[in-house]
N, C-alpha and C. Protein backbone atom coordinates (compact mmCIF):
# COMPACT_ATOMS: atom_id res chain seq x y z
N LYS A 1 0.83 -1.10 0.19
CA LYS A 1 -0.03 -0.14 -0.05
C LYS A 1 1.02 1.56 0.04
N GLY A 2 0.62 2.13 -0.88
CA GLY A 2 0.97 3.22 -0.83
C GLY A 2 2.59 3.13 -1.92
N TRP A 3 2.91 2.20 -2.47
CA TRP A 3 4.15 2.28 -3.02
C TRP A 3 3.71 2.68 -4.37
N ASN A 4 4.75 3.22 -5.29
CA ASN A 4 4.68 3.93 -6.34
C ASN A 4 5.39 3.54 -7.07
N ILE A 5 5.21 3.41 -8.42
CA ILE A 5 6.39 3.18 -9.77
C ILE A 5 6.52 4.42 -10.44
N SER A 6 7.90 4.91 -10.39
CA SER A 6 8.31 6.27 -10.98
C SER A 6 9.16 6.40 -11.96
N LYS A 7 9.62 6.89 -13.25
CA LYS A 7 10.91 7.19 -13.94
C LYS A 7 11.92 7.74 -12.77
N ILE A 8 13.03 7.16 -13.30
CA ILE A 8 14.28 7.46 -12.67
C ILE A 8 14.32 9.05 -12.12
N ASN A 9 14.56 10.08 -13.38
CA ASN A 9 14.23 11.32 -13.57
C ASN A 9 13.24 12.02 -13.13
N GLN A 10 12.43 11.40 -12.56
CA GLN A 10 10.95 11.87 -11.80
C GLN A 10 11.44 11.83 -10.09
N LYS A 11 12.65 10.73 -10.12
CA LYS A 11 13.07 11.04 -8.27
C LYS A 11 14.50 11.41 -7.93
N LEU A 12 14.90 11.35 -9.34
CA LEU A 12 16.66 11.83 -9.12
C LEU A 12 17.31 12.63 -10.56
N ASP A 13 18.27 13.41 -10.05
CA ASP A 13 19.02 13.85 -11.12
C ASP A 13 20.22 12.51 -11.82
N VAL A 14 19.97 12.77 -12.98
CA VAL A 14 20.36 12.23 -13.88
C VAL A 14 22.04 12.78 -14.31
N LEU A 15 23.03 12.65 -14.09
CA LEU A 15 24.11 13.82 -14.27
C LEU A 15 25.07 12.91 -15.09
N LEU A 16 25.24 13.51 -16.62
CA LEU A 16 26.57 12.62 -17.40
C LEU A 16 27.49 13.60 -16.94
N GLY A 17 28.94 12.92 -16.74
CA GLY A 17 29.62 13.31 -16.64
C GLY A 17 30.50 14.38 -17.71
N GLY A 18 31.74 14.57 -17.49
CA GLY A 18 32.31 15.35 -19.12
C GLY A 18 34.03 15.39 -18.93
N THR A 19 34.79 15.42 -19.73
CA THR A 19 36.28 15.81 -19.70
C THR A 19 36.78 17.51 -19.98
N PRO A 20 37.19 17.95 -19.22
CA PRO A 20 37.31 19.21 -19.72
C PRO A 20 38.80 18.91 -20.92
N SER A 21 38.89 20.08 -21.51
CA SER A 21 39.58 19.99 -22.39
C SER A 21 41.04 19.94 -22.04
N ARG A 22 42.14 18.62 -22.41
CA ARG A 22 43.38 18.52 -22.11
C ARG A 22 44.58 19.69 -22.67
N SER A 23 43.40 20.06 -23.43
CA SER A 23 44.60 21.03 -24.19
C SER A 23 44.94 22.32 -23.67
N LYS A 24 43.62 22.51 -22.21
CA LYS A 24 43.57 23.64 -21.77
C LYS A 24 44.84 23.28 -20.50
N ASP A 25 46.03 23.99 -20.08
CA ASP A 25 46.91 23.78 -18.83
C ASP A 25 46.29 24.10 -17.76
N SER A 26 45.35 25.13 -17.79
CA SER A 26 44.73 25.86 -16.70
C SER A 26 43.39 24.62 -16.47
N TYR A 27 42.99 23.82 -16.81
CA TYR A 27 41.99 22.78 -16.69
C TYR A 27 42.80 21.57 -15.45
N TRP A 28 44.05 21.54 -15.91
CA TRP A 28 44.58 20.49 -14.99
C TRP A 28 45.83 20.64 -14.38
N LYS A 29 46.61 21.66 -14.92
CA LYS A 29 47.61 21.60 -13.83
C LYS A 29 47.31 22.42 -12.41
N ASP A 30 47.55 21.58 -11.34
CA ASP A 30 47.75 22.02 -10.35
C ASP A 30 46.73 21.97 -9.98
N GLY A 31 45.63 21.41 -10.31
CA GLY A 31 44.54 20.92 -9.87
C GLY A 31 43.95 20.68 -8.42
N THR A 32 43.06 20.61 -8.19
CA THR A 32 42.63 20.79 -6.31
C THR A 32 41.26 19.91 -6.18
N VAL A 33 40.82 19.42 -7.58
CA VAL A 33 39.10 18.86 -7.61
C VAL A 33 39.07 17.53 -8.37
N SER A 34 38.78 16.52 -7.32
CA SER A 34 38.78 15.39 -7.84
C SER A 34 37.83 14.87 -9.21
N TRP A 35 38.77 14.01 -9.88
CA TRP A 35 38.14 13.93 -11.60
C TRP A 35 38.21 12.29 -11.39
N ILE A 36 37.42 11.26 -11.90
CA ILE A 36 37.65 10.16 -12.53
C ILE A 36 37.47 9.47 -13.85
N ASN A 37 38.06 8.77 -14.19
CA ASN A 37 37.57 8.13 -15.28
C ASN A 37 36.66 6.90 -15.00
N SER A 38 35.99 6.41 -16.14
CA SER A 38 34.94 5.10 -15.89
C SER A 38 35.63 4.09 -15.32
N GLY A 39 37.04 4.17 -15.62
CA GLY A 39 38.00 2.60 -15.47
C GLY A 39 38.00 2.69 -13.51
N LYS A 40 37.37 3.69 -12.92
CA LYS A 40 37.43 3.66 -11.81
C LYS A 40 36.09 3.15 -11.15
N VAL A 41 35.13 3.03 -12.00
CA VAL A 41 33.54 2.44 -11.77
C VAL A 41 33.80 1.11 -11.46
N ASN A 42 34.82 0.39 -11.97
CA ASN A 42 34.99 -1.18 -11.97
C ASN A 42 35.62 -1.48 -10.52
N GLU A 43 35.89 -0.39 -9.54
CA GLU A 43 35.86 -0.66 -8.20
C GLU A 43 34.65 -0.50 -7.31
N PHE A 44 34.90 -1.48 -6.47
CA PHE A 44 33.68 -1.65 -5.21
C PHE A 44 33.11 -0.46 -4.82
N ARG A 45 33.95 0.42 -4.71
CA ARG A 45 33.58 1.87 -3.98
C ARG A 45 35.05 2.42 -4.62
N VAL A 46 34.50 3.81 -4.65
CA VAL A 46 35.34 4.89 -5.53
C VAL A 46 35.94 6.03 -3.80
N ILE A 47 37.49 5.43 -3.59
CA ILE A 47 37.56 6.31 -2.76
C ILE A 47 38.85 7.42 -2.83
N GLN A 48 39.22 7.16 -4.21
CA GLN A 48 40.27 8.26 -4.95
C GLN A 48 39.88 8.47 -6.27
N SER A 49 40.59 9.87 -6.62
CA SER A 49 40.66 10.49 -7.92
C SER A 49 41.19 9.53 -9.13
N SER A 50 41.30 9.75 -10.22
CA SER A 50 41.84 9.02 -11.43
C SER A 50 42.72 10.28 -11.59
N GLU A 51 42.85 11.46 -11.55
CA GLU A 51 43.24 12.50 -11.39
C GLU A 51 42.73 14.04 -11.05
N MET A 52 43.35 15.17 -10.72
CA MET A 52 42.83 16.25 -10.49
C MET A 52 42.81 17.26 -11.45
N ILE A 53 41.65 18.26 -11.25
CA ILE A 53 41.34 18.83 -12.13
C ILE A 53 41.10 20.47 -11.53
N THR A 54 40.75 21.67 -12.25
CA THR A 54 40.98 22.73 -11.49
C THR A 54 39.47 23.14 -11.20
N SER A 55 39.15 24.16 -10.39
CA SER A 55 38.02 24.62 -9.95
C SER A 55 37.61 25.17 -11.48
N GLN A 56 38.48 26.03 -12.24
CA GLN A 56 37.98 26.32 -13.53
C GLN A 56 36.98 25.42 -14.49
N ALA A 57 38.27 24.32 -14.50
CA ALA A 57 37.46 23.42 -15.21
C ALA A 57 35.96 22.75 -14.86
N VAL A 58 35.42 22.98 -13.69
CA VAL A 58 34.46 22.43 -13.38
C VAL A 58 33.26 23.79 -13.68
N ARG A 59 33.79 25.03 -13.88
CA ARG A 59 32.97 25.93 -14.13
C ARG A 59 33.02 25.86 -15.73
N GLU A 60 33.83 25.65 -16.23
CA GLU A 60 33.84 26.06 -18.00
C GLU A 60 33.61 24.77 -18.89
N SER A 61 33.69 23.65 -18.33
CA SER A 61 33.61 22.57 -19.38
C SER A 61 32.38 21.68 -18.74
N SER A 62 31.76 20.54 -19.60
CA SER A 62 30.69 19.86 -19.23
C SER A 62 30.69 18.83 -18.13
N THR A 63 31.68 18.77 -17.18
CA THR A 63 32.03 17.93 -16.22
C THR A 63 30.91 18.09 -14.89
N LYS A 64 30.64 17.51 -13.65
CA LYS A 64 29.59 17.78 -12.97
C LYS A 64 30.49 17.44 -11.74
N LEU A 65 30.10 18.26 -10.60
CA LEU A 65 30.44 17.55 -9.63
C LEU A 65 29.62 16.82 -8.51
N LEU A 66 30.12 15.80 -8.52
CA LEU A 66 29.12 14.63 -7.92
C LEU A 66 29.68 14.83 -6.37
N PRO A 67 28.61 14.85 -5.24
CA PRO A 67 28.70 14.40 -4.30
C PRO A 67 29.24 13.44 -3.67
N LYS A 68 29.69 13.31 -2.56
CA LYS A 68 30.26 11.57 -2.19
C LYS A 68 28.77 11.23 -1.71
N LYS A 69 28.35 9.76 -1.89
CA LYS A 69 27.20 8.81 -1.94
C LYS A 69 26.76 8.98 -3.50
N THR A 70 27.07 9.43 -3.89
CA THR A 70 26.59 9.51 -5.70
C THR A 70 26.46 7.70 -5.82
N THR A 71 25.86 7.29 -6.45
CA THR A 71 25.71 6.01 -7.26
C THR A 71 26.06 6.24 -8.80
N LEU A 72 27.31 5.75 -9.09
CA LEU A 72 27.74 5.76 -10.36
C LEU A 72 27.56 4.44 -11.46
N LEU A 73 27.45 5.07 -12.66
CA LEU A 73 26.99 3.61 -13.82
C LEU A 73 27.85 4.28 -14.66
N ALA A 74 28.68 3.07 -15.20
CA ALA A 74 29.70 3.17 -16.08
C ALA A 74 28.54 2.92 -17.61
N ILE A 75 28.49 3.42 -18.33
CA ILE A 75 27.81 3.68 -19.42
C ILE A 75 28.44 3.40 -20.75
N THR A 76 29.75 3.09 -20.79
CA THR A 76 30.21 2.81 -22.33
C THR A 76 31.49 1.96 -21.98
N GLY A 77 32.00 1.37 -23.31
CA GLY A 77 33.63 0.92 -23.26
C GLY A 77 33.39 -0.39 -22.40
N ALA A 78 34.47 -0.68 -21.94
CA ALA A 78 34.77 -2.05 -21.01
C ALA A 78 34.21 -2.08 -19.88
N THR A 79 34.32 -0.80 -19.37
CA THR A 79 33.43 -0.61 -17.73
C THR A 79 31.73 -0.76 -17.95
N LEU A 80 31.22 -1.20 -19.13
CA LEU A 80 29.58 -0.74 -19.87
C LEU A 80 29.22 -1.62 -18.48
N GLY A 81 28.22 -1.00 -17.98
CA GLY A 81 27.06 -1.65 -16.78
C GLY A 81 27.48 -1.65 -15.52
N GLN A 82 29.09 -1.38 -15.08
CA GLN A 82 29.71 -1.51 -13.75
C GLN A 82 28.89 -0.19 -12.84
N VAL A 83 28.38 -0.70 -11.54
CA VAL A 83 28.05 0.33 -10.61
C VAL A 83 29.14 0.52 -9.84
N SER A 84 29.05 1.33 -9.21
CA SER A 84 29.93 1.95 -7.61
C SER A 84 29.39 2.88 -7.29
N LEU A 85 29.63 3.23 -5.66
CA LEU A 85 29.43 4.06 -4.72
C LEU A 85 30.76 5.21 -4.70
N LEU A 86 30.46 6.74 -4.83
CA LEU A 86 31.25 7.34 -4.71
C LEU A 86 31.46 7.77 -3.25
N GLU A 87 32.50 7.80 -3.14
CA GLU A 87 32.75 7.75 -1.36
C GLU A 87 33.72 9.35 -1.37
N ILE A 88 33.89 9.70 -2.10
CA ILE A 88 34.59 11.34 -2.08
C ILE A 88 33.71 12.28 -3.04
N ASP A 89 33.64 13.44 -2.68
CA ASP A 89 33.14 14.31 -3.97
C ASP A 89 34.36 14.24 -4.79
N SER A 90 33.37 14.15 -5.95
CA SER A 90 34.38 14.23 -7.59
C SER A 90 33.65 14.42 -9.00
N CYS A 91 34.65 14.89 -9.97
CA CYS A 91 33.64 14.66 -11.02
C CYS A 91 33.85 13.64 -11.97
N ALA A 92 33.76 13.33 -12.73
CA ALA A 92 33.76 12.06 -13.79
C ALA A 92 33.83 12.74 -15.63
N ASN A 93 34.15 11.50 -15.94
CA ASN A 93 33.89 12.00 -17.41
C ASN A 93 32.87 11.18 -17.92
N GLN A 94 32.52 11.48 -19.43
CA GLN A 94 31.78 11.20 -20.51
C GLN A 94 30.74 10.13 -20.70
N SER A 95 31.41 9.38 -20.02
CA SER A 95 31.57 7.69 -20.08
C SER A 95 30.74 7.26 -18.74
N VAL A 96 30.44 8.23 -17.64
CA VAL A 96 30.23 7.90 -16.45
C VAL A 96 28.64 8.76 -16.04
N ILE A 97 27.52 7.90 -15.18
CA ILE A 97 26.52 8.90 -14.95
C ILE A 97 26.28 8.58 -13.41
N GLY A 98 25.88 10.01 -12.63
CA GLY A 98 25.78 10.01 -11.38
C GLY A 98 24.84 10.24 -11.19
N LEU A 99 24.26 9.06 -10.23
CA LEU A 99 22.82 9.27 -9.52
C LEU A 99 23.05 10.03 -7.95
N PRO A 100 23.26 11.20 -7.90
CA PRO A 100 23.09 11.68 -6.49
C PRO A 100 22.06 11.35 -5.73
N GLU A 101 21.84 10.86 -4.40
CA GLU A 101 20.55 10.91 -3.29
C GLU A 101 19.97 12.18 -3.16
N THR A 102 19.10 12.27 -3.06
CA THR A 102 17.95 13.44 -2.52
C THR A 102 17.62 12.94 -1.30
N GLU A 103 16.91 13.64 -0.63
CA GLU A 103 15.86 14.12 0.67
C GLU A 103 15.29 12.79 0.90
N GLU A 104 14.52 12.17 -0.30
CA GLU A 104 13.72 10.99 -0.41
C GLU A 104 14.19 10.16 -0.46
N LEU A 105 15.28 9.98 -1.34
CA LEU A 105 15.77 8.73 -1.84
C LEU A 105 17.51 8.42 -1.16
N SER A 106 17.77 8.00 -0.30
CA SER A 106 19.19 7.55 -0.20
C SER A 106 19.96 6.76 -0.83
N HIS A 107 21.47 7.13 -0.85
CA HIS A 107 21.98 6.23 -1.38
C HIS A 107 21.93 4.55 -1.06
N ALA A 108 21.75 4.63 0.28
CA ALA A 108 21.42 2.89 0.57
C ALA A 108 20.27 2.17 -0.54
N TYR A 109 19.12 3.39 -0.85
CA TYR A 109 18.20 2.61 -1.83
C TYR A 109 18.85 2.76 -3.17
N ILE A 110 19.48 3.76 -3.48
CA ILE A 110 19.71 4.18 -4.99
C ILE A 110 20.65 3.05 -5.79
N TYR A 111 21.65 3.12 -4.90
CA TYR A 111 22.74 1.80 -5.30
C TYR A 111 22.40 0.63 -5.35
N PRO A 112 21.65 -0.04 -4.45
CA PRO A 112 21.26 -1.47 -4.59
C PRO A 112 20.07 -1.44 -5.78
N CYS A 113 19.10 -0.38 -5.81
CA CYS A 113 18.51 -0.86 -7.04
C CYS A 113 18.86 -0.80 -8.53
N ILE A 114 20.14 0.41 -8.26
CA ILE A 114 20.50 0.25 -9.65
C ILE A 114 21.51 -1.09 -10.05
N CYS A 115 21.91 -1.74 -9.24
CA CYS A 115 22.75 -3.10 -9.25
C CYS A 115 21.65 -3.79 -9.50
N HIS A 116 20.33 -3.67 -8.88
CA HIS A 116 19.36 -4.75 -9.67
C HIS A 116 18.76 -4.74 -10.80
N ILE A 117 18.85 -3.17 -11.08
CA ILE A 117 17.85 -3.38 -12.70
C ILE A 117 19.09 -3.23 -13.81
N ILE A 118 20.18 -3.22 -13.78
CA ILE A 118 21.62 -3.05 -14.16
C ILE A 118 21.73 -3.72 -15.68
N THR A 119 21.19 -5.12 -15.35
CA THR A 119 21.34 -6.18 -16.38
C THR A 119 19.95 -5.66 -17.56
N ASP A 120 18.94 -5.33 -17.00
CA ASP A 120 18.08 -4.76 -17.58
C ASP A 120 18.54 -3.61 -18.75
N LEU A 121 19.12 -2.65 -17.91
CA LEU A 121 19.52 -1.60 -18.65
C LEU A 121 20.45 -1.74 -19.73
N ILE A 122 21.78 -2.72 -19.55
CA ILE A 122 22.54 -3.32 -20.28
C ILE A 122 21.78 -4.02 -21.70
N SER A 123 20.20 -4.50 -21.20
CA SER A 123 19.91 -5.18 -22.72
C SER A 123 19.53 -4.14 -23.76
N HIS A 124 19.39 -2.68 -23.28
CA HIS A 124 18.57 -1.85 -24.08
C HIS A 124 20.06 -0.75 -24.70
N GLN A 125 21.05 -1.63 -24.61
CA GLN A 125 22.25 -0.99 -25.22
C GLN A 125 22.09 -0.53 -26.55
N THR A 126 22.63 0.57 -26.92
CA THR A 126 22.41 0.95 -28.45
C THR A 126 23.97 1.27 -28.84
N GLY A 127 24.27 1.58 -30.25
CA GLY A 127 25.70 1.87 -30.96
C GLY A 127 26.03 0.67 -31.61
N GLY A 128 26.82 1.36 -32.71
CA GLY A 128 27.16 -0.12 -33.81
C GLY A 128 28.34 -0.41 -32.96
N ALA A 129 29.55 0.57 -33.30
CA ALA A 129 30.77 0.01 -33.04
C ALA A 129 31.19 -0.18 -31.63
N GLN A 130 30.74 0.98 -30.88
CA GLN A 130 30.77 0.56 -29.47
C GLN A 130 29.65 0.90 -29.05
N GLN A 131 29.20 -0.44 -28.10
CA GLN A 131 27.93 -0.15 -27.52
C GLN A 131 28.11 0.65 -26.49
N HIS A 132 26.70 1.34 -25.88
CA HIS A 132 26.62 2.23 -24.73
C HIS A 132 24.67 2.18 -24.14
N ILE A 133 24.89 2.62 -23.11
CA ILE A 133 23.63 2.91 -22.63
C ILE A 133 23.16 3.99 -22.38
N ASN A 134 22.03 4.42 -23.19
CA ASN A 134 21.51 6.10 -23.12
C ASN A 134 21.35 6.46 -22.04
N LYS A 135 21.74 7.64 -21.69
CA LYS A 135 21.20 8.15 -20.92
C LYS A 135 19.74 8.55 -20.60
N GLY A 136 18.90 8.84 -21.76
CA GLY A 136 17.51 8.73 -21.77
C GLY A 136 16.86 7.58 -21.31
N ASN A 137 17.60 6.44 -21.65
CA ASN A 137 16.99 5.13 -20.88
C ASN A 137 17.39 5.09 -19.72
N VAL A 138 18.42 5.58 -19.14
CA VAL A 138 18.15 5.82 -17.83
C VAL A 138 17.37 6.38 -17.00
N GLU A 139 17.17 7.75 -17.71
CA GLU A 139 16.42 8.44 -17.13
C GLU A 139 14.79 8.01 -17.28
N ASN A 140 14.58 7.21 -18.47
CA ASN A 140 13.24 6.90 -18.70
C ASN A 140 12.97 5.09 -17.87
N TYR A 141 14.11 4.93 -17.50
CA TYR A 141 13.68 3.69 -16.69
C TYR A 141 12.64 3.46 -15.49
N LYS A 142 12.04 2.64 -15.47
CA LYS A 142 10.87 2.87 -14.16
C LYS A 142 11.02 2.11 -13.27
N ILE A 143 11.75 2.59 -11.69
CA ILE A 143 11.42 1.98 -10.54
C ILE A 143 10.44 1.93 -9.57
N LEU A 144 10.37 0.83 -8.52
CA LEU A 144 9.41 0.93 -7.62
C LEU A 144 10.01 1.71 -6.53
N ILE A 145 9.43 2.71 -5.99
CA ILE A 145 9.51 3.51 -4.73
C ILE A 145 8.65 2.85 -3.58
N PRO A 146 8.96 2.29 -2.61
CA PRO A 146 8.29 1.97 -1.25
C PRO A 146 7.64 3.20 -0.60
N ASN A 147 6.71 2.87 -0.16
CA ASN A 147 5.80 4.03 0.83
C ASN A 147 6.85 4.36 1.72
N LYS A 148 6.45 5.63 2.36
CA LYS A 148 7.50 6.50 2.99
C LYS A 148 7.83 5.78 4.33
N ASP A 149 6.99 4.75 5.07
CA ASP A 149 7.54 3.80 6.23
C ASP A 149 8.09 3.01 6.13
N ILE A 150 8.11 2.38 5.20
CA ILE A 150 9.21 1.01 4.72
C ILE A 150 10.43 1.69 4.36
N LEU A 151 10.32 2.63 3.73
CA LEU A 151 11.69 3.17 2.95
C LEU A 151 12.48 3.68 4.17
N SER A 152 11.74 4.17 5.38
CA SER A 152 12.52 4.86 6.53
C SER A 152 13.22 3.57 7.02
N GLY A 153 12.28 2.79 6.97
CA GLY A 153 12.94 1.43 7.92
C GLY A 153 14.17 0.90 7.30
N TYR A 154 13.98 0.70 5.83
CA TYR A 154 14.84 -0.02 5.35
C TYR A 154 16.13 1.10 5.35
N THR A 155 15.85 2.40 5.14
CA THR A 155 17.13 3.17 5.00
C THR A 155 17.92 3.58 6.24
N ASP A 156 17.34 3.48 7.20
CA ASP A 156 17.93 3.39 8.70
C ASP A 156 18.46 2.18 8.88
N LEU A 157 18.16 0.76 8.63
CA LEU A 157 18.79 -0.27 8.26
C LEU A 157 20.25 -0.49 7.78
N VAL A 158 19.77 0.12 6.40
CA VAL A 158 21.09 -0.51 5.56
C VAL A 158 22.13 0.68 5.65
N GLU A 159 21.60 2.06 5.89
CA GLU A 159 22.47 2.69 6.11
C GLU A 159 23.64 2.78 7.39
N LEU A 160 23.49 1.86 8.06
CA LEU A 160 24.33 1.33 9.07
C LEU A 160 25.44 0.66 8.64
N LEU A 161 24.99 -0.27 7.57
CA LEU A 161 25.86 -1.53 6.89
C LEU A 161 26.95 -1.13 5.92
N MET A 162 26.08 0.91 5.37
CA MET A 162 26.81 0.75 4.03
C MET A 162 27.83 1.97 4.81
N SER A 163 27.65 2.51 5.88
CA SER A 163 28.74 3.42 6.78
C SER A 163 29.73 2.32 7.00
N SER A 164 29.60 1.16 7.27
CA SER A 164 30.41 0.01 7.60
C SER A 164 31.35 -0.24 6.65
N ILE A 165 30.72 -0.65 5.41
CA ILE A 165 31.49 -0.91 4.33
C ILE A 165 32.27 0.18 4.24
N SER A 166 31.61 1.35 3.92
CA SER A 166 32.46 2.92 3.48
C SER A 166 33.75 2.54 4.42
N ASN A 167 33.59 2.62 5.25
CA ASN A 167 34.96 2.11 6.33
C ASN A 167 35.77 1.65 6.05
N ASN A 168 35.63 0.45 6.21
CA ASN A 168 36.85 -0.39 5.45
C ASN A 168 36.72 -0.20 4.41
N ALA A 169 36.22 0.48 3.15
CA ALA A 169 37.12 0.95 1.83
C ALA A 169 38.21 1.50 2.32
N PHE A 170 37.87 2.51 2.98
CA PHE A 170 39.48 3.36 3.25
C PHE A 170 40.21 2.87 4.30
C-alpha cells in the first residue's frame, strides 16, 4: 500500500560527466578537484580520484561535481554496466552517469536499486562500433518506490551497513 512506480528522472538527477579539454593547462595543472575516469567504476567503492582538475575546469566544461554517496554507472566501453558508489566528492568523465541521493531517496536505496536493474538497462544498449547505455534510457527507466514508512525503516538499517562498508573501504 502506498508504493509507486516512477521514472528515475522524476525522483533523481541523472548527471552525465564530462572531460575538460586536455589542451587547456589551466584545467589540469595544479588541480584541487577530484576527477575520475570510467575505469574507477570497476572498483567496489571509489575512494580516490584518477586525476585532479581545477575549479575553472568545473565551471567552464561539461563535467559535473558529484557529491559523495552518488551512485555511479559506467555507460560505455570496457566498463559498460559497472555500478559503484562514490565515497568522495568528484567529477567524472562522459562515460559515467551519476545518480546523487536526494532527501527522499538515500544512496542506501539508489545503489542496490541500480545494481538490481543494471542487467535490464544493459539489454537496451545501443551503438554500432561501441555499445553504450543511453542516458535517456536511464532517465526513463521505471523503478519501484516503497511507501515512506517502509523506505524509512529500510534506509535506517541499510545506511548503517553501508557506512561500515565505506569505513572498511578506506
